[in-house]
Amino acid sequence: MVLITIQTIVILLVSSCSPPTMTNPVTGEVDGAKIYKSYCKSCHGPKGDRGLSNAADLSKSSLEENEIRQIILYGTDNGMSAYKSVITEEKEIGALVKHVKSLQQ
């Protein structure tokens, strides 16, 4: 009986350890800001202007959405890694591209 109880608790704990959702709980839409916070903020900063580890200043960027998408997916020669195997959902990529574009001044 104790073993069954322990197994049940372990199963409940493991099943609740899913990755954070990247959707807005109110609208149900994919949230580009959440994706940015998870993958980009550490180098680019909350406003895109941190520049840690040679990261581009996104606030001064004039790149178009298709160029931003290519950099996110395939990385750069300056050290940014490719995220095509990390951010695989088209909706997430699109939302992230729009968020990055919104950081431009």
PDB file of N, CA and C in Angstrom:
ATOM      1  N   MET A   1       0.818  -1.188   0.000  1.00  0.00           N
ATOM      2  CA  MET A   1       0.000   0.000   0.000  1.00  0.00           C
ATOM      3  C   MET A   1       0.867   1.259   0.000  1.00  0.00           C
ATOM      4  N   VAL A   2       1.918   1.275   0.815  1.00  0.00           N
ATOM      5  CA  VAL A   2       2.821   2.417   0.879  1.00  0.00           C
ATOM      6  C   VAL A   2       3.527   2.598  -0.463  1.00  0.00           C
ATOM      7  N   LEU A   3       3.942   1.497  -1.082  1.00  0.00           N
ATOM      8  CA  LEU A   3       4.623   1.543  -2.377  1.00  0.00           C
ATOM      9  C   LEU A   3       3.717   2.152  -3.450  1.00  0.00           C
ATOM     10  N   ILE A   4       2.461   1.786  -3.449  1.00  0.00           N
ATOM     11  CA  ILE A   4       1.510   2.337  -4.419  1.00  0.00           C
ATOM     12  C   ILE A   4       1.332   3.836  -4.193  1.00  0.00           C
ATOM     13  N   THR A   5       1.263   4.251  -2.955  1.00  0.00           N
ATOM     14  CA  THR A   5       1.126   5.667  -2.632  1.00  0.00           C
ATOM     15  C   THR A   5       2.349   6.443  -3.108  1.00  0.00           C
ATOM     16  N   ILE A   6       3.538   5.920  -2.862  1.00  0.00           N
ATOM     17  CA  ILE A   6       4.778   6.571  -3.294  1.00  0.00           C
ATOM     18  C   ILE A   6       4.829   6.645  -4.817  1.00  0.00           C
ATOM     19  N   GLN A   7       4.473   5.565  -5.496  1.00  0.00           N
ATOM     20  CA  GLN A   7       4.470   5.565  -6.960  1.00  0.00           C
ATOM     21  C   GLN A   7       3.491   6.610  -7.504  1.00  0.00           C
ATOM     22  N   THR A   8       2.346   6.713  -6.895  1.00  0.00           N
ATOM     23  CA  THR A   8       1.344   7.686  -7.329  1.00  0.00           C
ATOM     24  C   THR A   8       1.871   9.105  -7.167  1.00  0.00           C
ATOM     25  N   ILE A   9       2.506   9.384  -6.049  1.00  0.00           N
ATOM     26  CA  ILE A   9       3.066  10.723  -5.802  1.00  0.00           C
ATOM     27  C   ILE A   9       4.150  11.034  -6.824  1.00  0.00           C
ATOM     28  N   VAL A  10       5.035  10.085  -7.089  1.00  0.00           N
ATOM     29  CA  VAL A  10       6.109  10.292  -8.064  1.00  0.00           C
ATOM     30  C   VAL A  10       5.528  10.560  -9.453  1.00  0.00           C
ATOM     31  N   ILE A  11       4.542   9.796  -9.849  1.00  0.00           N
ATOM     32  CA  ILE A  11       3.911   9.999 -11.160  1.00  0.00           C
ATOM     33  C   ILE A  11       3.282  11.382 -11.252  1.00  0.00           C
ATOM     34  N   LEU A  12       2.608  11.818 -10.210  1.00  0.00           N
ATOM     35  CA  LEU A  12       2.002  13.147 -10.214  1.00  0.00           C
ATOM     36  C   LEU A  12       3.049  14.248 -10.291  1.00  0.00           C
ATOM     37  N   LEU A  13       4.142  14.089  -9.571  1.00  0.00           N
ATOM     38  CA  LEU A  13       5.208  15.089  -9.609  1.00  0.00           C
ATOM     39  C   LEU A  13       5.868  15.160 -10.977  1.00  0.00           C
ATOM     40  N   VAL A  14       6.180  14.023 -11.554  1.00  0.00           N
ATOM     41  CA  VAL A  14       6.839  13.994 -12.861  1.00  0.00           C
ATOM     42  C   VAL A  14       5.922  14.550 -13.942  1.00  0.00           C
ATOM     43  N   SER A  15       4.667  14.215 -13.901  1.00  0.00           N
ATOM     44  CA  SER A  15       3.738  14.683 -14.936  1.00  0.00           C
ATOM     45  C   SER A  15       3.487  16.182 -14.847  1.00  0.00           C
ATOM     46  N   SER A  16       3.741  16.787 -13.705  1.00  0.00           N
ATOM     47  CA  SER A  16       3.539  18.229 -13.566  1.00  0.00           C
ATOM     48  C   SER A  16       4.780  19.026 -13.941  1.00  0.00           C
ATOM     49  N   CYS A  17       5.850  18.368 -14.329  1.00  0.00           N
ATOM     50  CA  CYS A  17       7.110  19.035 -14.672  1.00  0.00           C
ATOM     51  C   CYS A  17       7.220  19.251 -16.182  1.00  0.00           C
ATOM     52  N   SER A  18       6.229  19.840 -16.764  1.00  0.00           N
ATOM     53  CA  SER A  18       6.283  20.111 -18.198  1.00  0.00           C
ATOM     54  C   SER A  18       6.967  21.456 -18.425  1.00  0.00           C
ATOM     55  N   PRO A  19       7.502  21.686 -19.640  1.00  0.00           N
ATOM     56  CA  PRO A  19       8.158  22.961 -19.913  1.00  0.00           C
ATOM     57  C   PRO A  19       7.158  24.106 -19.823  1.00  0.00           C
ATOM     58  N   PRO A  20       7.647  25.310 -19.542  1.00  0.00           N
ATOM     59  CA  PRO A  20       6.729  26.439 -19.414  1.00  0.00           C
ATOM     60  C   PRO A  20       6.014  26.699 -20.735  1.00  0.00           C
ATOM     61  N   THR A  21       4.783  27.107 -20.641  1.00  0.00           N
ATOM     62  CA  THR A  21       4.014  27.393 -21.844  1.00  0.00           C
ATOM     63  C   THR A  21       4.436  28.735 -22.424  1.00  0.00           C
ATOM     64  N   MET A  22       4.465  28.812 -23.734  1.00  0.00           N
ATOM     65  CA  MET A  22       4.859  30.046 -24.404  1.00  0.00           C
ATOM     66  C   MET A  22       3.641  30.800 -24.926  1.00  0.00           C
ATOM     67  N   THR A  23       2.484  30.484 -24.372  1.00  0.00           N
ATOM     68  CA  THR A  23       1.269  31.172 -24.796  1.00  0.00           C
ATOM     69  C   THR A  23       0.790  32.128 -23.719  1.00  0.00           C
ATOM     70  N   ASN A  24       0.112  33.150 -24.157  1.00  0.00           N
ATOM     71  CA  ASN A  24      -0.491  34.110 -23.247  1.00  0.00           C
ATOM     72  C   ASN A  24      -1.726  33.449 -22.646  1.00  0.00           C
ATOM     73  N   PRO A  25      -1.817  33.340 -21.330  1.00  0.00           N
ATOM     74  CA  PRO A  25      -2.950  32.648 -20.716  1.00  0.00           C
ATOM     75  C   PRO A  25      -4.290  33.329 -20.967  1.00  0.00           C
ATOM     76  N   VAL A  26      -4.282  34.608 -21.253  1.00  0.00           N
ATOM     77  CA  VAL A  26      -5.526  35.340 -21.482  1.00  0.00           C
ATOM     78  C   VAL A  26      -6.014  35.157 -22.920  1.00  0.00           C
ATOM     79  N   THR A  27      -5.098  35.358 -23.883  1.00  0.00           N
ATOM     80  CA  THR A  27      -5.504  35.326 -25.291  1.00  0.00           C
ATOM     81  C   THR A  27      -5.336  33.957 -25.936  1.00  0.00           C
ATOM     82  N   GLY A  28      -4.450  33.129 -25.382  1.00  0.00           N
ATOM     83  CA  GLY A  28      -4.155  31.837 -25.980  1.00  0.00           C
ATOM     84  C   GLY A  28      -3.178  31.929 -27.141  1.00  0.00           C
ATOM     85  N   GLU A  29      -2.735  33.138 -27.463  1.00  0.00           N
ATOM     86  CA  GLU A  29      -1.787  33.357 -28.550  1.00  0.00           C
ATOM     87  C   GLU A  29      -0.367  33.067 -28.066  1.00  0.00           C
ATOM     88  N   VAL A  30       0.493  32.674 -29.001  1.00  0.00           N
ATOM     89  CA  VAL A  30       1.902  32.478 -28.673  1.00  0.00           C
ATOM     90  C   VAL A  30       2.482  33.833 -28.279  1.00  0.00           C
ATOM     91  N   ASP A  31       3.232  33.863 -27.195  1.00  0.00           N
ATOM     92  CA  ASP A  31       3.758  35.106 -26.625  1.00  0.00           C
ATOM     93  C   ASP A  31       5.240  35.242 -26.953  1.00  0.00           C
ATOM     94  N   GLY A  32       5.552  36.101 -27.919  1.00  0.00           N
ATOM     95  CA  GLY A  32       6.936  36.322 -28.337  1.00  0.00           C
ATOM     96  C   GLY A  32       7.812  36.846 -27.218  1.00  0.00           C
ATOM     97  N   ALA A  33       7.241  37.635 -26.318  1.00  0.00           N
ATOM     98  CA  ALA A  33       8.018  38.167 -25.192  1.00  0.00           C
ATOM     99  C   ALA A  33       8.473  37.057 -24.256  1.00  0.00           C
ATOM    100  N   LYS A  34       7.624  36.046 -24.062  1.00  0.00           N
ATOM    101  CA  LYS A  34       8.004  34.910 -23.211  1.00  0.00           C
ATOM    102  C   LYS A  34       9.126  34.102 -23.864  1.00  0.00           C
ATOM    103  N   ILE A  35       9.044  33.918 -25.161  1.00  0.00           N
ATOM    104  CA  ILE A  35      10.082  33.181 -25.883  1.00  0.00           C
ATOM    105  C   ILE A  35      11.387  33.959 -25.805  1.00  0.00           C
ATOM    106  N   TYR A  36      11.320  35.261 -26.016  1.00  0.00           N
ATOM    107  CA  TYR A  36      12.498  36.125 -25.925  1.00  0.00           C
ATOM    108  C   TYR A  36      13.121  36.017 -24.534  1.00  0.00           C
ATOM    109  N   LYS A  37      12.289  36.074 -23.515  1.00  0.00           N
ATOM    110  CA  LYS A  37      12.779  35.994 -22.136  1.00  0.00           C
ATOM    111  C   LYS A  37      13.504  34.669 -21.887  1.00  0.00           C
ATOM    112  N   SER A  38      12.983  33.588 -22.464  1.00  0.00           N
ATOM    113  CA  SER A  38      13.577  32.267 -22.252  1.00  0.00           C
ATOM    114  C   SER A  38      14.894  32.070 -22.985  1.00  0.00           C
ATOM    115  N   TYR A  39      15.001  32.593 -24.202  1.00  0.00           N
ATOM    116  CA  TYR A  39      16.149  32.267 -25.041  1.00  0.00           C
ATOM    117  C   TYR A  39      17.078  33.433 -25.367  1.00  0.00           C
ATOM    118  N   CYS A  40      16.609  34.662 -25.293  1.00  0.00           N
ATOM    119  CA  CYS A  40      17.376  35.789 -25.831  1.00  0.00           C
ATOM    120  C   CYS A  40      17.817  36.815 -24.779  1.00  0.00           C
ATOM    121  N   LYS A  41      17.022  36.965 -23.756  1.00  0.00           N
ATOM    122  CA  LYS A  41      17.224  38.026 -22.767  1.00  0.00           C
ATOM    123  C   LYS A  41      18.592  37.968 -22.096  1.00  0.00           C
ATOM    124  N   SER A  42      19.122  36.783 -21.858  1.00  0.00           N
ATOM    125  CA  SER A  42      20.387  36.679 -21.122  1.00  0.00           C
ATOM    126  C   SER A  42      21.533  37.382 -21.850  1.00  0.00           C
ATOM    127  N   CYS A  43      21.543  37.371 -23.163  1.00  0.00           N
ATOM    128  CA  CYS A  43      22.610  38.050 -23.914  1.00  0.00           C
ATOM    129  C   CYS A  43      22.181  39.424 -24.429  1.00  0.00           C
ATOM    130  N   HIS A  44      20.945  39.517 -24.928  1.00  0.00           N
ATOM    131  CA  HIS A  44      20.492  40.768 -25.536  1.00  0.00           C
ATOM    132  C   HIS A  44      19.875  41.732 -24.528  1.00  0.00           C
ATOM    133  N   GLY A  45      19.518  41.252 -23.348  1.00  0.00           N
ATOM    134  CA  GLY A  45      18.923  42.109 -22.324  1.00  0.00           C
ATOM    135  C   GLY A  45      17.433  42.289 -22.512  1.00  0.00           C
ATOM    136  N   PRO A  46      16.741  42.782 -21.489  1.00  0.00           N
ATOM    137  CA  PRO A  46      15.289  42.913 -21.543  1.00  0.00           C
ATOM    138  C   PRO A  46      14.798  43.857 -22.640  1.00  0.00           C
ATOM    139  N   LYS A  47      15.600  44.855 -22.980  1.00  0.00           N
ATOM    140  CA  LYS A  47      15.205  45.826 -24.007  1.00  0.00           C
ATOM    141  C   LYS A  47      15.978  45.624 -25.312  1.00  0.00           C
ATOM    142  N   GLY A  48      16.794  44.570 -25.357  1.00  0.00           N
ATOM    143  CA  GLY A  48      17.553  44.277 -26.568  1.00  0.00           C
ATOM    144  C   GLY A  48      18.870  45.017 -26.693  1.00  0.00           C
ATOM    145  N   ASP A  49      19.246  45.771 -25.665  1.00  0.00           N
ATOM    146  CA  ASP A  49      20.433  46.628 -25.775  1.00  0.00           C
ATOM    147  C   ASP A  49      21.589  46.234 -24.857  1.00  0.00           C
ATOM    148  N   ARG A  50      21.576  45.013 -24.319  1.00  0.00           N
ATOM    149  CA  ARG A  50      22.613  44.605 -23.381  1.00  0.00           C
ATOM    150  C   ARG A  50      23.950  44.357 -24.076  1.00  0.00           C
ATOM    151  N   GLY A  51      23.969  43.576 -25.141  1.00  0.00           N
ATOM    152  CA  GLY A  51      25.194  43.326 -25.884  1.00  0.00           C
ATOM    153  C   GLY A  51      26.182  42.419 -25.189  1.00  0.00           C
ATOM    154  N   LEU A  52      25.735  41.525 -24.343  1.00  0.00           N
ATOM    155  CA  LEU A  52      26.621  40.602 -23.640  1.00  0.00           C
ATOM    156  C   LEU A  52      27.173  39.571 -24.620  1.00  0.00           C
ATOM    157  N   SER A  53      28.436  39.222 -24.495  1.00  0.00           N
ATOM    158  CA  SER A  53      29.092  38.220 -25.346  1.00  0.00           C
ATOM    159  C   SER A  53      28.974  38.560 -26.826  1.00  0.00           C
ATOM    160  N   ASN A  54      29.164  39.830 -27.156  1.00  0.00           N
ATOM    161  CA  ASN A  54      29.127  40.290 -28.547  1.00  0.00           C
ATOM    162  C   ASN A  54      27.730  40.232 -29.161  1.00  0.00           C
ATOM    163  N   ALA A  55      26.690  40.161 -28.345  1.00  0.00           N
ATOM    164  CA  ALA A  55      25.320  40.129 -28.857  1.00  0.00           C
ATOM    165  C   ALA A  55      24.971  41.471 -29.489  1.00  0.00           C
ATOM    166  N   ALA A  56      24.245  41.416 -30.585  1.00  0.00           N
ATOM    167  CA  ALA A  56      23.837  42.633 -31.285  1.00  0.00           C
ATOM    168  C   ALA A  56      22.897  43.467 -30.427  1.00  0.00           C
ATOM    169  N   ASP A  57      22.973  44.780 -30.594  1.00  0.00           N
ATOM    170  CA  ASP A  57      22.049  45.699 -29.947  1.00  0.00           C
ATOM    171  C   ASP A  57      20.782  45.722 -30.793  1.00  0.00           C
ATOM    172  N   LEU A  58      19.782  45.006 -30.360  1.00  0.00           N
ATOM    173  CA  LEU A  58      18.553  44.880 -31.136  1.00  0.00           C
ATOM    174  C   LEU A  58      17.773  46.183 -31.207  1.00  0.00           C
ATOM    175  N   SER A  59      17.985  47.066 -30.245  1.00  0.00           N
ATOM    176  CA  SER A  59      17.265  48.339 -30.256  1.00  0.00           C
ATOM    177  C   SER A  59      17.757  49.246 -31.380  1.00  0.00           C
ATOM    178  N   LYS A  60      18.981  49.024 -31.847  1.00  0.00           N
ATOM    179  CA  LYS A  60      19.548  49.838 -32.932  1.00  0.00           C
ATOM    180  C   LYS A  60      19.497  49.129 -34.275  1.00  0.00           C
ATOM    181  N   SER A  61      18.936  47.954 -34.301  1.00  0.00           N
ATOM    182  CA  SER A  61      18.865  47.167 -35.528  1.00  0.00           C
ATOM    183  C   SER A  61      17.857  47.763 -36.503  1.00  0.00           C
ATOM    184  N   SER A  62      18.150  47.606 -37.783  1.00  0.00           N
ATOM    185  CA  SER A  62      17.198  48.018 -38.824  1.00  0.00           C
ATOM    186  C   SER A  62      16.816  46.829 -39.698  1.00  0.00           C
ATOM    187  N   LEU A  63      17.059  45.626 -39.187  1.00  0.00           N
ATOM    188  CA  LEU A  63      16.754  44.415 -39.948  1.00  0.00           C
ATOM    189  C   LEU A  63      15.259  44.255 -40.144  1.00  0.00           C
ATOM    190  N   GLU A  64      14.903  43.691 -41.280  1.00  0.00           N
ATOM    191  CA  GLU A  64      13.510  43.374 -41.581  1.00  0.00           C
ATOM    192  C   GLU A  64      13.168  42.018 -40.964  1.00  0.00           C
ATOM    193  N   GLU A  65      11.886  41.701 -40.897  1.00  0.00           N
ATOM    194  CA  GLU A  65      11.429  40.468 -40.255  1.00  0.00           C
ATOM    195  C   GLU A  65      12.049  39.223 -40.877  1.00  0.00           C
ATOM    196  N   ASN A  66      12.171  39.170 -42.195  1.00  0.00           N
ATOM    197  CA  ASN A  66      12.757  37.973 -42.826  1.00  0.00           C
ATOM    198  C   ASN A  66      14.226  37.810 -42.459  1.00  0.00           C
ATOM    199  N   GLU A  67      14.950  38.913 -42.270  1.00  0.00           N
ATOM    200  CA  GLU A  67      16.357  38.845 -41.860  1.00  0.00           C
ATOM    201  C   GLU A  67      16.477  38.393 -40.400  1.00  0.00           C
ATOM    202  N   ILE A  68      15.604  38.893 -39.564  1.00  0.00           N
ATOM    203  CA  ILE A  68      15.592  38.488 -38.156  1.00  0.00           C
ATOM    204  C   ILE A  68      15.316  36.995 -38.054  1.00  0.00           C
ATOM    205  N   ARG A  69      14.354  36.516 -38.823  1.00  0.00           N
ATOM    206  CA  ARG A  69      14.004  35.092 -38.842  1.00  0.00           C
ATOM    207  C   ARG A  69      15.220  34.240 -39.224  1.00  0.00           C
ATOM    208  N   GLN A  70      15.946  34.639 -40.232  1.00  0.00           N
ATOM    209  CA  GLN A  70      17.114  33.882 -40.688  1.00  0.00           C
ATOM    210  C   GLN A  70      18.187  33.810 -39.596  1.00  0.00           C
ATOM    211  N   ILE A  71      18.395  34.924 -38.905  1.00  0.00           N
ATOM    212  CA  ILE A  71      19.396  34.948 -37.838  1.00  0.00           C
ATOM    213  C   ILE A  71      18.964  34.056 -36.675  1.00  0.00           C
ATOM    214  N   ILE A  72      17.696  34.122 -36.316  1.00  0.00           N
ATOM    215  CA  ILE A  72      17.208  33.259 -35.230  1.00  0.00           C
ATOM    216  C   ILE A  72      17.387  31.791 -35.606  1.00  0.00           C
ATOM    217  N   LEU A  73      17.001  31.435 -36.807  1.00  0.00           N
ATOM    218  CA  LEU A  73      17.056  30.035 -37.227  1.00  0.00           C
ATOM    219  C   LEU A  73      18.471  29.528 -37.446  1.00  0.00           C
ATOM    220  N   TYR A  74      19.332  30.343 -38.056  1.00  0.00           N
ATOM    221  CA  TYR A  74      20.642  29.855 -38.493  1.00  0.00           C
ATOM    222  C   TYR A  74      21.838  30.475 -37.776  1.00  0.00           C
ATOM    223  N   GLY A  75      21.604  31.428 -36.890  1.00  0.00           N
ATOM    224  CA  GLY A  75      22.701  32.030 -36.136  1.00  0.00           C
ATOM    225  C   GLY A  75      23.515  32.992 -36.978  1.00  0.00           C
ATOM    226  N   THR A  76      24.659  33.413 -36.411  1.00  0.00           N
ATOM    227  CA  THR A  76      25.544  34.356 -37.108  1.00  0.00           C
ATOM    228  C   THR A  76      26.990  33.910 -36.973  1.00  0.00           C
ATOM    229  N   ASP A  77      27.842  34.540 -37.745  1.00  0.00           N
ATOM    230  CA  ASP A  77      29.283  34.292 -37.646  1.00  0.00           C
ATOM    231  C   ASP A  77      29.883  34.963 -36.417  1.00  0.00           C
ATOM    232  N   ASN A  78      29.126  35.855 -35.784  1.00  0.00           N
ATOM    233  CA  ASN A  78      29.617  36.586 -34.603  1.00  0.00           C
ATOM    234  C   ASN A  78      29.401  35.837 -33.301  1.00  0.00           C
ATOM    235  N   GLY A  79      28.860  34.633 -33.373  1.00  0.00           N
ATOM    236  CA  GLY A  79      28.738  33.840 -32.162  1.00  0.00           C
ATOM    237  C   GLY A  79      27.334  33.466 -31.738  1.00  0.00           C
ATOM    238  N   MET A  80      26.310  34.023 -32.379  1.00  0.00           N
ATOM    239  CA  MET A  80      24.960  33.630 -31.998  1.00  0.00           C
ATOM    240  C   MET A  80      24.668  32.241 -32.549  1.00  0.00           C
ATOM    241  N   SER A  81      24.176  31.398 -31.691  1.00  0.00           N
ATOM    242  CA  SER A  81      23.841  30.029 -32.083  1.00  0.00           C
ATOM    243  C   SER A  81      22.565  29.986 -32.902  1.00  0.00           C
ATOM    244  N   ALA A  82      22.435  28.940 -33.687  1.00  0.00           N
ATOM    245  CA  ALA A  82      21.203  28.695 -34.440  1.00  0.00           C
ATOM    246  C   ALA A  82      20.151  28.115 -33.500  1.00  0.00           C
ATOM    247  N   TYR A  83      18.921  28.548 -33.657  1.00  0.00           N
ATOM    248  CA  TYR A  83      17.828  28.081 -32.807  1.00  0.00           C
ATOM    249  C   TYR A  83      16.809  27.247 -33.572  1.00  0.00           C
ATOM    250  N   LYS A  84      17.146  26.823 -34.786  1.00  0.00           N
ATOM    251  CA  LYS A  84      16.173  26.074 -35.592  1.00  0.00           C
ATOM    252  C   LYS A  84      15.793  24.740 -34.966  1.00  0.00           C
ATOM    253  N   SER A  85      16.660  24.173 -34.154  1.00  0.00           N
ATOM    254  CA  SER A  85      16.306  22.911 -33.501  1.00  0.00           C
ATOM    255  C   SER A  85      15.767  23.135 -32.087  1.00  0.00           C
ATOM    256  N   VAL A  86      15.750  24.371 -31.640  1.00  0.00           N
ATOM    257  CA  VAL A  86      15.255  24.707 -30.303  1.00  0.00           C
ATOM    258  C   VAL A  86      13.835  25.274 -30.387  1.00  0.00           C
ATOM    259  N   ILE A  87      13.663  26.256 -31.252  1.00  0.00           N
ATOM    260  CA  ILE A  87      12.350  26.872 -31.465  1.00  0.00           C
ATOM    261  C   ILE A  87      11.842  26.310 -32.786  1.00  0.00           C
ATOM    262  N   THR A  88      11.034  25.281 -32.708  1.00  0.00           N
ATOM    263  CA  THR A  88      10.666  24.536 -33.904  1.00  0.00           C
ATOM    264  C   THR A  88       9.268  24.838 -34.431  1.00  0.00           C
ATOM    265  N   GLU A  89       8.433  25.435 -33.619  1.00  0.00           N
ATOM    266  CA  GLU A  89       7.067  25.738 -34.042  1.00  0.00           C
ATOM    267  C   GLU A  89       7.043  27.058 -34.809  1.00  0.00           C
ATOM    268  N   GLU A  90       6.435  27.046 -35.976  1.00  0.00           N
ATOM    269  CA  GLU A  90       6.376  28.254 -36.811  1.00  0.00           C
ATOM    270  C   GLU A  90       5.710  29.417 -36.078  1.00  0.00           C
ATOM    271  N   LYS A  91       4.665  29.137 -35.309  1.00  0.00           N
ATOM    272  CA  LYS A  91       3.985  30.206 -34.564  1.00  0.00           C
ATOM    273  C   LYS A  91       4.925  30.844 -33.547  1.00  0.00           C
ATOM    274  N   GLU A  92       5.769  30.037 -32.923  1.00  0.00           N
ATOM    275  CA  GLU A  92       6.717  30.570 -31.934  1.00  0.00           C
ATOM    276  C   GLU A  92       7.783  31.420 -32.621  1.00  0.00           C
ATOM    277  N   ILE A  93       8.284  30.957 -33.748  1.00  0.00           N
ATOM    278  CA  ILE A  93       9.292  31.726 -34.487  1.00  0.00           C
ATOM    279  C   ILE A  93       8.697  33.061 -34.918  1.00  0.00           C
ATOM    280  N   GLY A  94       7.503  33.022 -35.474  1.00  0.00           N
ATOM    281  CA  GLY A  94       6.848  34.256 -35.908  1.00  0.00           C
ATOM    282  C   GLY A  94       6.617  35.232 -34.769  1.00  0.00           C
ATOM    283  N   ALA A  95       6.189  34.726 -33.637  1.00  0.00           N
ATOM    284  CA  ALA A  95       5.948  35.585 -32.472  1.00  0.00           C
ATOM    285  C   ALA A  95       7.260  36.187 -31.965  1.00  0.00           C
ATOM    286  N   LEU A  96       8.324  35.393 -31.970  1.00  0.00           N
ATOM    287  CA  LEU A  96       9.624  35.901 -31.526  1.00  0.00           C
ATOM    288  C   LEU A  96      10.136  36.962 -32.489  1.00  0.00           C
ATOM    289  N   VAL A  97      10.007  36.730 -33.776  1.00  0.00           N
ATOM    290  CA  VAL A  97      10.447  37.714 -34.779  1.00  0.00           C
ATOM    291  C   VAL A  97       9.715  39.040 -34.550  1.00  0.00           C
ATOM    292  N   LYS A  98       8.422  38.988 -34.342  1.00  0.00           N
ATOM    293  CA  LYS A  98       7.644  40.220 -34.108  1.00  0.00           C
ATOM    294  C   LYS A  98       8.092  40.923 -32.834  1.00  0.00           C
ATOM    295  N   HIS A  99       8.392  40.135 -31.792  1.00  0.00           N
ATOM    296  CA  HIS A  99       8.849  40.764 -30.552  1.00  0.00           C
ATOM    297  C   HIS A  99      10.203  41.432 -30.753  1.00  0.00           C
ATOM    298  N   VAL A 100      11.124  40.747 -31.408  1.00  0.00           N
ATOM    299  CA  VAL A 100      12.443  41.332 -31.657  1.00  0.00           C
ATOM    300  C   VAL A 100      12.291  42.607 -32.487  1.00  0.00           C
ATOM    301  N   LYS A 101      11.442  42.570 -33.486  1.00  0.00           N
ATOM    302  CA  LYS A 101      11.198  43.762 -34.318  1.00  0.00           C
ATOM    303  C   LYS A 101      10.649  44.905 -33.461  1.00  0.00           C
ATOM    304  N   SER A 102       9.844  44.590 -32.461  1.00  0.00           N
ATOM    305  CA  SER A 102       9.270  45.633 -31.607  1.00  0.00           C
ATOM    306  C   SER A 102      10.315  46.309 -30.717  1.00  0.00           C
ATOM    307  N   LEU A 103      11.470  45.701 -30.557  1.00  0.00           N
ATOM    308  CA  LEU A 103      12.531  46.279 -29.732  1.00  0.00           C
ATOM    309  C   LEU A 103      13.308  47.365 -30.483  1.00  0.00           C
ATOM    310  N   GLN A 104      13.165  47.406 -31.795  1.00  0.00           N
ATOM    311  CA  GLN A 104      13.854  48.414 -32.592  1.00  0.00           C
ATOM    312  C   GLN A 104      13.301  49.797 -32.274  1.00  0.00           C
ATOM    313  N   GLN A 105      14.202  50.765 -32.171  1.00  0.00           N
ATOM    314  CA  GLN A 105      13.758  52.131 -31.847  1.00  0.00           C
ATOM    315  C   GLN A 105      13.548  52.952 -33.093  1.00  0.00           C
TER     316      GLN A 105
END
